[in-house]
PDB file of N, CA and C in Angstrom:
ATOM      1  N   MET A   1     184.532 -68.298 156.635  1.00  0.00           N
ATOM      2  CA  MET A   1     184.500 -69.615 157.259  1.00  0.00           C
ATOM      3  C   MET A   1     184.697 -70.686 156.181  1.00  0.00           C
ATOM      4  N   VAL A   2     185.558 -71.614 156.461  1.00  0.00           N
ATOM      5  CA  VAL A   2     185.855 -72.696 155.525  1.00  0.00           C
ATOM      6  C   VAL A   2     184.951 -73.874 155.838  1.00  0.00           C
ATOM      7  N   ASP A   3     184.331 -74.421 154.800  1.00  0.00           N
ATOM      8  CA  ASP A   3     183.510 -75.613 154.999  1.00  0.00           C
ATOM      9  C   ASP A   3     184.421 -76.813 155.146  1.00  0.00           C
ATOM     10  N   ARG A   4     184.203 -77.537 156.228  1.00  0.00           N
ATOM     11  CA  ARG A   4     184.973 -78.753 156.485  1.00  0.00           C
ATOM     12  C   ARG A   4     183.997 -79.911 156.629  1.00  0.00           C
ATOM     13  N   PRO A   5     184.382 -81.102 156.182  1.00  0.00           N
ATOM     14  CA  PRO A   5     183.526 -82.248 156.428  1.00  0.00           C
ATOM     15  C   PRO A   5     183.488 -82.543 157.930  1.00  0.00           C
ATOM     16  N   THR A   6     182.359 -83.020 158.393  1.00  0.00           N
ATOM     17  CA  THR A   6     182.213 -83.412 159.791  1.00  0.00           C
ATOM     18  C   THR A   6     182.065 -84.923 159.845  1.00  0.00           C
ATOM     19  N   VAL A   7     182.856 -85.560 160.700  1.00  0.00           N
ATOM     20  CA  VAL A   7     182.908 -87.009 160.784  1.00  0.00           C
ATOM     21  C   VAL A   7     182.619 -87.444 162.212  1.00  0.00           C
ATOM     22  N   LEU A   8     181.848 -88.508 162.374  1.00  0.00           N
ATOM     23  CA  LEU A   8     181.573 -89.119 163.669  1.00  0.00           C
ATOM     24  C   LEU A   8     182.429 -90.372 163.777  1.00  0.00           C
ATOM     25  N   ILE A   9     183.278 -90.431 164.812  1.00  0.00           N
ATOM     26  CA  ILE A   9     184.183 -91.572 164.979  1.00  0.00           C
ATOM     27  C   ILE A   9     183.830 -92.299 166.268  1.00  0.00           C
ATOM     28  N   ALA A  10     183.293 -93.505 166.132  1.00  0.00           N
ATOM     29  CA  ALA A  10     183.011 -94.351 167.292  1.00  0.00           C
ATOM     30  C   ALA A  10     184.306 -95.047 167.690  1.00  0.00           C
ATOM     31  N   GLY A  11     184.526 -95.192 168.981  1.00  0.00           N
ATOM     32  CA  GLY A  11     185.772 -95.791 169.452  1.00  0.00           C
ATOM     33  C   GLY A  11     186.939 -94.843 169.284  1.00  0.00           C
ATOM     34  N   GLY A  12     186.682 -93.565 169.458  1.00  0.00           N
ATOM     35  CA  GLY A  12     187.689 -92.542 169.228  1.00  0.00           C
ATOM     36  C   GLY A  12     188.871 -92.576 170.168  1.00  0.00           C
ATOM     37  N   ASN A  13     188.755 -93.267 171.290  1.00  0.00           N
ATOM     38  CA  ASN A  13     189.882 -93.343 172.214  1.00  0.00           C
ATOM     39  C   ASN A  13     190.714 -94.605 172.003  1.00  0.00           C
ATOM     40  N   GLY A  14     190.356 -95.421 171.038  1.00  0.00           N
ATOM     41  CA  GLY A  14     191.130 -96.611 170.731  1.00  0.00           C
ATOM     42  C   GLY A  14     192.182 -96.334 169.670  1.00  0.00           C
ATOM     43  N   ASN A  15     192.969 -97.349 169.351  1.00  0.00           N
ATOM     44  CA  ASN A  15     194.045 -97.178 168.369  1.00  0.00           C
ATOM     45  C   ASN A  15     193.526 -96.928 166.959  1.00  0.00           C
ATOM     46  N   VAL A  16     192.524 -97.668 166.536  1.00  0.00           N
ATOM     47  CA  VAL A  16     192.007 -97.510 165.178  1.00  0.00           C
ATOM     48  C   VAL A  16     191.249 -96.190 165.057  1.00  0.00           C
ATOM     49  N   GLY A  17     190.329 -95.938 165.979  1.00  0.00           N
ATOM     50  CA  GLY A  17     189.566 -94.689 165.939  1.00  0.00           C
ATOM     51  C   GLY A  17     190.446 -93.469 166.120  1.00  0.00           C
ATOM     52  N   GLY A  18     191.403 -93.549 167.027  1.00  0.00           N
ATOM     53  CA  GLY A  18     192.316 -92.435 167.255  1.00  0.00           C
ATOM     54  C   GLY A  18     193.204 -92.164 166.059  1.00  0.00           C
ATOM     55  N   GLY A  19     193.668 -93.229 165.424  1.00  0.00           N
ATOM     56  CA  GLY A  19     194.483 -93.072 164.220  1.00  0.00           C
ATOM     57  C   GLY A  19     193.689 -92.478 163.075  1.00  0.00           C
ATOM     58  N   ALA A  20     192.440 -92.925 162.944  1.00  0.00           N
ATOM     59  CA  ALA A  20     191.568 -92.365 161.909  1.00  0.00           C
ATOM     60  C   ALA A  20     191.311 -90.882 162.175  1.00  0.00           C
ATOM     61  N   ALA A  21     191.091 -90.541 163.426  1.00  0.00           N
ATOM     62  CA  ALA A  21     190.852 -89.145 163.793  1.00  0.00           C
ATOM     63  C   ALA A  21     192.055 -88.273 163.439  1.00  0.00           C
ATOM     64  N   MET A  22     193.249 -88.761 163.734  1.00  0.00           N
ATOM     65  CA  MET A  22     194.450 -87.990 163.431  1.00  0.00           C
ATOM     66  C   MET A  22     194.582 -87.751 161.932  1.00  0.00           C
ATOM     67  N   GLU A  23     194.390 -88.784 161.145  1.00  0.00           N
ATOM     68  CA  GLU A  23     194.530 -88.641 159.699  1.00  0.00           C
ATOM     69  C   GLU A  23     193.455 -87.722 159.124  1.00  0.00           C
ATOM     70  N   LEU A  24     192.239 -87.859 159.603  1.00  0.00           N
ATOM     71  CA  LEU A  24     191.162 -86.987 159.123  1.00  0.00           C
ATOM     72  C   LEU A  24     191.414 -85.534 159.512  1.00  0.00           C
ATOM     73  N   ALA A  25     191.967 -85.320 160.698  1.00  0.00           N
ATOM     74  CA  ALA A  25     192.305 -83.959 161.131  1.00  0.00           C
ATOM     75  C   ALA A  25     193.376 -83.371 160.222  1.00  0.00           C
ATOM     76  N   ARG A  26     194.352 -84.171 159.856  1.00  0.00           N
ATOM     77  CA  ARG A  26     195.401 -83.698 158.942  1.00  0.00           C
ATOM     78  C   ARG A  26     194.814 -83.283 157.595  1.00  0.00           C
ATOM     79  N   ARG A  27     193.732 -83.948 157.220  1.00  0.00           N
ATOM     80  CA  ARG A  27     193.094 -83.658 155.929  1.00  0.00           C
ATOM     81  C   ARG A  27     192.031 -82.565 156.035  1.00  0.00           C
ATOM     82  N   GLY A  28     191.884 -81.979 157.229  1.00  0.00           N
ATOM     83  CA  GLY A  28     191.005 -80.830 157.377  1.00  0.00           C
ATOM     84  C   GLY A  28     189.611 -81.103 157.892  1.00  0.00           C
ATOM     85  N   ALA A  29     189.326 -82.323 158.328  1.00  0.00           N
ATOM     86  CA  ALA A  29     187.983 -82.629 158.830  1.00  0.00           C
ATOM     87  C   ALA A  29     187.801 -82.119 160.260  1.00  0.00           C
ATOM     88  N   GLN A  30     186.564 -81.868 160.615  1.00  0.00           N
ATOM     89  CA  GLN A  30     186.203 -81.657 162.009  1.00  0.00           C
ATOM     90  C   GLN A  30     185.406 -82.892 162.418  1.00  0.00           C
ATOM     91  N   PHE A  31     185.411 -83.217 163.691  1.00  0.00           N
ATOM     92  CA  PHE A  31     184.749 -84.458 164.045  1.00  0.00           C
ATOM     93  C   PHE A  31     184.315 -84.533 165.496  1.00  0.00           C
ATOM     94  N   VAL A  32     183.493 -85.561 165.726  1.00  0.00           N
ATOM     95  CA  VAL A  32     183.023 -85.913 167.060  1.00  0.00           C
ATOM     96  C   VAL A  32     183.638 -87.264 167.384  1.00  0.00           C
ATOM     97  N   LEU A  33     184.337 -87.331 168.508  1.00  0.00           N
ATOM     98  CA  LEU A  33     184.893 -88.599 168.988  1.00  0.00           C
ATOM     99  C   LEU A  33     183.924 -89.202 169.990  1.00  0.00           C
ATOM    100  N   LEU A  34     183.513 -90.427 169.772  1.00  0.00           N
ATOM    101  CA  LEU A  34     182.657 -91.148 170.712  1.00  0.00           C
ATOM    102  C   LEU A  34     183.467 -92.219 171.405  1.00  0.00           C
ATOM    103  N   GLY A  35     183.243 -92.392 172.692  1.00  0.00           N
ATOM    104  CA  GLY A  35     183.927 -93.445 173.422  1.00  0.00           C
ATOM    105  C   GLY A  35     183.351 -93.594 174.812  1.00  0.00           C
ATOM    106  N   ARG A  36     183.869 -94.557 175.537  1.00  0.00           N
ATOM    107  CA  ARG A  36     183.329 -94.875 176.854  1.00  0.00           C
ATOM    108  C   ARG A  36     183.846 -93.995 177.977  1.00  0.00           C
ATOM    109  N   LYS A  37     185.027 -93.442 177.820  1.00  0.00           N
ATOM    110  CA  LYS A  37     185.633 -92.683 178.919  1.00  0.00           C
ATOM    111  C   LYS A  37     185.973 -91.278 178.456  1.00  0.00           C
ATOM    112  N   SER A  38     185.324 -90.293 179.076  1.00  0.00           N
ATOM    113  CA  SER A  38     185.516 -88.914 178.648  1.00  0.00           C
ATOM    114  C   SER A  38     186.953 -88.435 178.854  1.00  0.00           C
ATOM    115  N   ASN A  39     187.619 -88.911 179.908  1.00  0.00           N
ATOM    116  CA  ASN A  39     188.991 -88.442 180.150  1.00  0.00           C
ATOM    117  C   ASN A  39     189.951 -88.907 179.055  1.00  0.00           C
ATOM    118  N   THR A  40     189.781 -90.106 178.553  1.00  0.00           N
ATOM    119  CA  THR A  40     190.667 -90.563 177.481  1.00  0.00           C
ATOM    120  C   THR A  40     190.300 -89.914 176.146  1.00  0.00           C
ATOM    121  N   LEU A  41     189.027 -89.625 175.942  1.00  0.00           N
ATOM    122  CA  LEU A  41     188.620 -88.909 174.728  1.00  0.00           C
ATOM    123  C   LEU A  41     189.191 -87.502 174.719  1.00  0.00           C
ATOM    124  N   ASP A  42     189.102 -86.824 175.862  1.00  0.00           N
ATOM    125  CA  ASP A  42     189.656 -85.467 175.954  1.00  0.00           C
ATOM    126  C   ASP A  42     191.165 -85.476 175.724  1.00  0.00           C
ATOM    127  N   ALA A  43     191.830 -86.479 176.280  1.00  0.00           N
ATOM    128  CA  ALA A  43     193.282 -86.590 176.100  1.00  0.00           C
ATOM    129  C   ALA A  43     193.623 -86.820 174.629  1.00  0.00           C
ATOM    130  N   ARG A  44     192.836 -87.647 173.953  1.00  0.00           N
ATOM    131  CA  ARG A  44     193.068 -87.919 172.523  1.00  0.00           C
ATOM    132  C   ARG A  44     192.873 -86.634 171.713  1.00  0.00           C
ATOM    133  N   ALA A  45     191.811 -85.910 172.003  1.00  0.00           N
ATOM    134  CA  ALA A  45     191.554 -84.647 171.292  1.00  0.00           C
ATOM    135  C   ALA A  45     192.700 -83.665 171.515  1.00  0.00           C
ATOM    136  N   ASP A  46     193.199 -83.582 172.744  1.00  0.00           N
ATOM    137  CA  ASP A  46     194.323 -82.687 173.046  1.00  0.00           C
ATOM    138  C   ASP A  46     195.577 -83.085 172.272  1.00  0.00           C
ATOM    139  N   ARG A  47     195.848 -84.395 172.192  1.00  0.00           N
ATOM    140  CA  ARG A  47     197.029 -84.867 171.452  1.00  0.00           C
ATOM    141  C   ARG A  47     196.930 -84.503 169.974  1.00  0.00           C
ATOM    142  N   ILE A  48     195.740 -84.644 169.406  1.00  0.00           N
ATOM    143  CA  ILE A  48     195.556 -84.309 167.998  1.00  0.00           C
ATOM    144  C   ILE A  48     195.787 -82.813 167.779  1.00  0.00           C
ATOM    145  N   ARG A  49     195.183 -81.996 168.631  1.00  0.00           N
ATOM    146  CA  ARG A  49     195.358 -80.545 168.509  1.00  0.00           C
ATOM    147  C   ARG A  49     196.829 -80.154 168.659  1.00  0.00           C
ATOM    148  N   ASP A  50     197.501 -80.736 169.661  1.00  0.00           N
ATOM    149  CA  ASP A  50     198.902 -80.414 169.907  1.00  0.00           C
ATOM    150  C   ASP A  50     199.787 -80.814 168.735  1.00  0.00           C
ATOM    151  N   GLU A  51     199.554 -81.995 168.191  1.00  0.00           N
ATOM    152  CA  GLU A  51     200.387 -82.460 167.077  1.00  0.00           C
ATOM    153  C   GLU A  51     200.194 -81.569 165.846  1.00  0.00           C
ATOM    154  N   LEU A  52     198.955 -81.224 165.554  1.00  0.00           N
ATOM    155  CA  LEU A  52     198.717 -80.370 164.394  1.00  0.00           C
ATOM    156  C   LEU A  52     199.264 -78.969 164.611  1.00  0.00           C
ATOM    157  N   ALA A  53     199.164 -78.456 165.819  1.00  0.00           N
ATOM    158  CA  ALA A  53     199.725 -77.137 166.115  1.00  0.00           C
ATOM    159  C   ALA A  53     201.240 -77.156 165.939  1.00  0.00           C
ATOM    160  N   GLY A  54     201.882 -78.260 166.329  1.00  0.00           N
ATOM    161  CA  GLY A  54     203.325 -78.402 166.174  1.00  0.00           C
ATOM    162  C   GLY A  54     203.751 -78.473 164.724  1.00  0.00           C
ATOM    163  N   GLN A  55     202.845 -78.867 163.847  1.00  0.00           N
ATOM    164  CA  GLN A  55     203.133 -78.956 162.420  1.00  0.00           C
ATOM    165  C   GLN A  55     202.693 -77.697 161.678  1.00  0.00           C
ATOM    166  N   GLY A  56     202.189 -76.711 162.428  1.00  0.00           N
ATOM    167  CA  GLY A  56     201.765 -75.463 161.809  1.00  0.00           C
ATOM    168  C   GLY A  56     200.402 -75.517 161.153  1.00  0.00           C
ATOM    169  N   GLY A  57     199.634 -76.566 161.437  1.00  0.00           N
ATOM    170  CA  GLY A  57     198.303 -76.686 160.836  1.00  0.00           C
ATOM    171  C   GLY A  57     197.232 -75.991 161.645  1.00  0.00           C
ATOM    172  N   ASP A  58     196.078 -75.829 161.033  1.00  0.00           N
ATOM    173  CA  ASP A  58     194.931 -75.263 161.731  1.00  0.00           C
ATOM    174  C   ASP A  58     194.378 -76.290 162.712  1.00  0.00           C
ATOM    175  N   ALA A  59     193.974 -75.810 163.877  1.00  0.00           N
ATOM    176  CA  ALA A  59     193.382 -76.696 164.872  1.00  0.00           C
ATOM    177  C   ALA A  59     191.973 -77.078 164.424  1.00  0.00           C
ATOM    178  N   PRO A  60     191.696 -78.368 164.328  1.00  0.00           N
ATOM    179  CA  PRO A  60     190.358 -78.784 163.916  1.00  0.00           C
ATOM    180  C   PRO A  60     189.370 -78.650 165.074  1.00  0.00           C
ATOM    181  N   LEU A  61     188.105 -78.553 164.742  1.00  0.00           N
ATOM    182  CA  LEU A  61     187.061 -78.584 165.752  1.00  0.00           C
ATOM    183  C   LEU A  61     186.853 -80.043 166.133  1.00  0.00           C
ATOM    184  N   ILE A  62     187.095 -80.357 167.401  1.00  0.00           N
ATOM    185  CA  ILE A  62     186.950 -81.722 167.885  1.00  0.00           C
ATOM    186  C   ILE A  62     186.027 -81.699 169.092  1.00  0.00           C
ATOM    187  N   GLN A  63     184.979 -82.477 169.030  1.00  0.00           N
ATOM    188  CA  GLN A  63     184.060 -82.620 170.157  1.00  0.00           C
ATOM    189  C   GLN A  63     184.184 -84.042 170.681  1.00  0.00           C
ATOM    190  N   ALA A  64     184.503 -84.188 171.961  1.00  0.00           N
ATOM    191  CA  ALA A  64     184.586 -85.507 172.588  1.00  0.00           C
ATOM    192  C   ALA A  64     183.268 -85.766 173.314  1.00  0.00           C
ATOM    193  N   LEU A  65     182.676 -86.926 173.081  1.00  0.00           N
ATOM    194  CA  LEU A  65     181.384 -87.250 173.646  1.00  0.00           C
ATOM    195  C   LEU A  65     181.414 -88.641 174.251  1.00  0.00           C
ATOM    196  N   GLU A  66     181.182 -88.706 175.562  1.00  0.00           N
ATOM    197  CA  GLU A  66     181.124 -90.002 176.244  1.00  0.00           C
ATOM    198  C   GLU A  66     179.815 -90.688 175.880  1.00  0.00           C
ATOM    199  N   ALA A  67     179.921 -91.929 175.441  1.00  0.00           N
ATOM    200  CA  ALA A  67     178.748 -92.693 175.025  1.00  0.00           C
ATOM    201  C   ALA A  67     178.903 -94.131 175.491  1.00  0.00           C
ATOM    202  N   ASP A  68     178.825 -94.331 176.796  1.00  0.00           N
ATOM    203  CA  ASP A  68     178.978 -95.664 177.384  1.00  0.00           C
ATOM    204  C   ASP A  68     177.614 -96.256 177.635  1.00  0.00           C
ATOM    205  N   LEU A  69     177.278 -97.233 176.844  1.00  0.00           N
ATOM    206  CA  LEU A  69     175.991 -97.928 176.992  1.00  0.00           C
ATOM    207  C   LEU A  69     176.184 -99.348 177.510  1.00  0.00           C
ATOM    208  N   SER A  70     177.361 -99.637 178.086  1.00  0.00           N
ATOM    209  CA  SER A  70     177.675-101.003 178.496  1.00  0.00           C
ATOM    210  C   SER A  70     176.770-101.517 179.612  1.00  0.00           C
ATOM    211  N   ASP A  71     176.181-100.616 180.403  1.00  0.00           N
ATOM    212  CA  ASP A  71     175.289-101.086 181.488  1.00  0.00           C
ATOM    213  C   ASP A  71     173.838-101.163 181.060  1.00  0.00           C
ATOM    214  N   GLN A  72     173.554-100.884 179.775  1.00  0.00           N
ATOM    215  CA  GLN A  72     172.194-100.954 179.258  1.00  0.00           C
ATOM    216  C   GLN A  72     171.918-102.382 178.778  1.00  0.00           C
ATOM    217  N   VAL A  73     170.783-102.924 179.172  1.00  0.00           N
ATOM    218  CA  VAL A  73     170.430-104.284 178.769  1.00  0.00           C
ATOM    219  C   VAL A  73     169.206-104.275 177.902  1.00  0.00           C
TER     220      VAL A  73
END
Protein backbone atom coordinates (compact mmCIF):
# COMPACT_ATOMS: atom_id res chain seq x y z
CA MET A 1 0.00 0.00 0.00
CA VAL A 2 1.32 3.41 -0.97
CA ASP A 3 1.02 6.22 1.54
CA ARG A 4 -0.80 9.15 0.02
CA PRO A 5 -1.55 12.50 1.61
CA THR A 6 -5.20 12.99 2.49
CA VAL A 7 -6.72 16.40 1.81
CA LEU A 8 -10.08 17.90 2.82
CA ILE A 9 -11.45 20.26 0.16
CA ALA A 10 -14.35 22.53 1.11
CA GLY A 11 -16.35 23.76 -1.86
CA GLY A 12 -15.31 20.73 -3.86
CA ASN A 13 -18.08 21.15 -6.42
CA GLY A 14 -17.05 24.70 -7.31
CA ASN A 15 -14.47 25.85 -9.84
CA VAL A 16 -11.68 26.58 -7.36
CA GLY A 17 -12.24 23.52 -5.17
CA GLY A 18 -12.77 21.26 -8.17
CA GLY A 19 -9.64 22.54 -9.87
CA ALA A 20 -7.64 22.05 -6.69
CA ALA A 21 -9.00 18.51 -6.38
CA MET A 22 -7.98 17.68 -9.94
CA GLU A 23 -4.44 18.95 -9.47
CA LEU A 24 -4.02 17.20 -6.13
CA ALA A 25 -5.30 13.96 -7.66
CA ARG A 26 -2.71 14.28 -10.43
CA ARG A 27 -0.07 14.60 -7.73
CA GLY A 28 -1.25 11.43 -5.98
CA ALA A 29 -3.38 12.76 -3.12
CA GLN A 30 -6.54 11.15 -1.84
CA PHE A 31 -9.21 13.46 -0.57
CA VAL A 32 -12.63 14.27 0.78
CA LEU A 33 -14.74 16.71 -1.23
CA LEU A 34 -17.17 18.78 0.85
CA GLY A 35 -20.05 20.66 -0.69
CA ARG A 36 -23.73 21.45 -0.51
CA LYS A 37 -25.06 19.09 -3.17
CA SER A 38 -24.15 15.42 -3.18
CA ASN A 39 -25.08 14.93 -6.84
CA THR A 40 -22.63 17.58 -8.04
CA LEU A 41 -19.92 16.29 -5.70
CA ASP A 42 -20.37 12.76 -7.04
CA ALA A 43 -20.24 14.08 -10.60
CA ARG A 44 -17.01 15.98 -9.84
CA ALA A 45 -15.43 12.87 -8.30
CA ASP A 46 -16.44 10.82 -11.37
CA ARG A 47 -14.91 13.41 -13.73
CA ILE A 48 -11.64 13.35 -11.82
CA ARG A 49 -11.50 9.55 -11.85
CA ASP A 50 -12.38 9.42 -15.56
CA GLU A 51 -9.79 12.01 -16.55
CA LEU A 52 -7.02 10.30 -14.61
CA ALA A 53 -7.99 6.89 -15.98
CA GLY A 54 -7.81 8.36 -19.50
CA GLN A 55 -4.27 9.53 -18.76
CA GLY A 56 -3.23 6.11 -17.47
CA GLY A 57 -2.95 7.25 -13.86
CA ASP A 58 -4.01 5.48 -10.71
CA ALA A 59 -7.53 6.26 -9.55
CA PRO A 60 -7.35 8.27 -6.34
CA LEU A 61 -9.54 7.55 -3.34
CA ILE A 62 -12.19 10.27 -3.40
CA GLN A 63 -14.94 10.58 -0.82
CA ALA A 64 -17.75 13.04 -1.55
CA LEU A 65 -19.51 14.36 1.54
CA GLU A 66 -22.56 16.61 1.55
CA ALA A 67 -22.16 19.31 4.18
CA ASP A 68 -24.95 21.85 3.75
CA LEU A 69 -25.36 23.95 6.85
CA SER A 70 -27.15 26.83 5.11
CA ASP A 71 -30.39 26.25 7.06
CA GLN A 72 -28.59 26.29 10.42
CA VAL A 73 -28.93 29.53 12.37
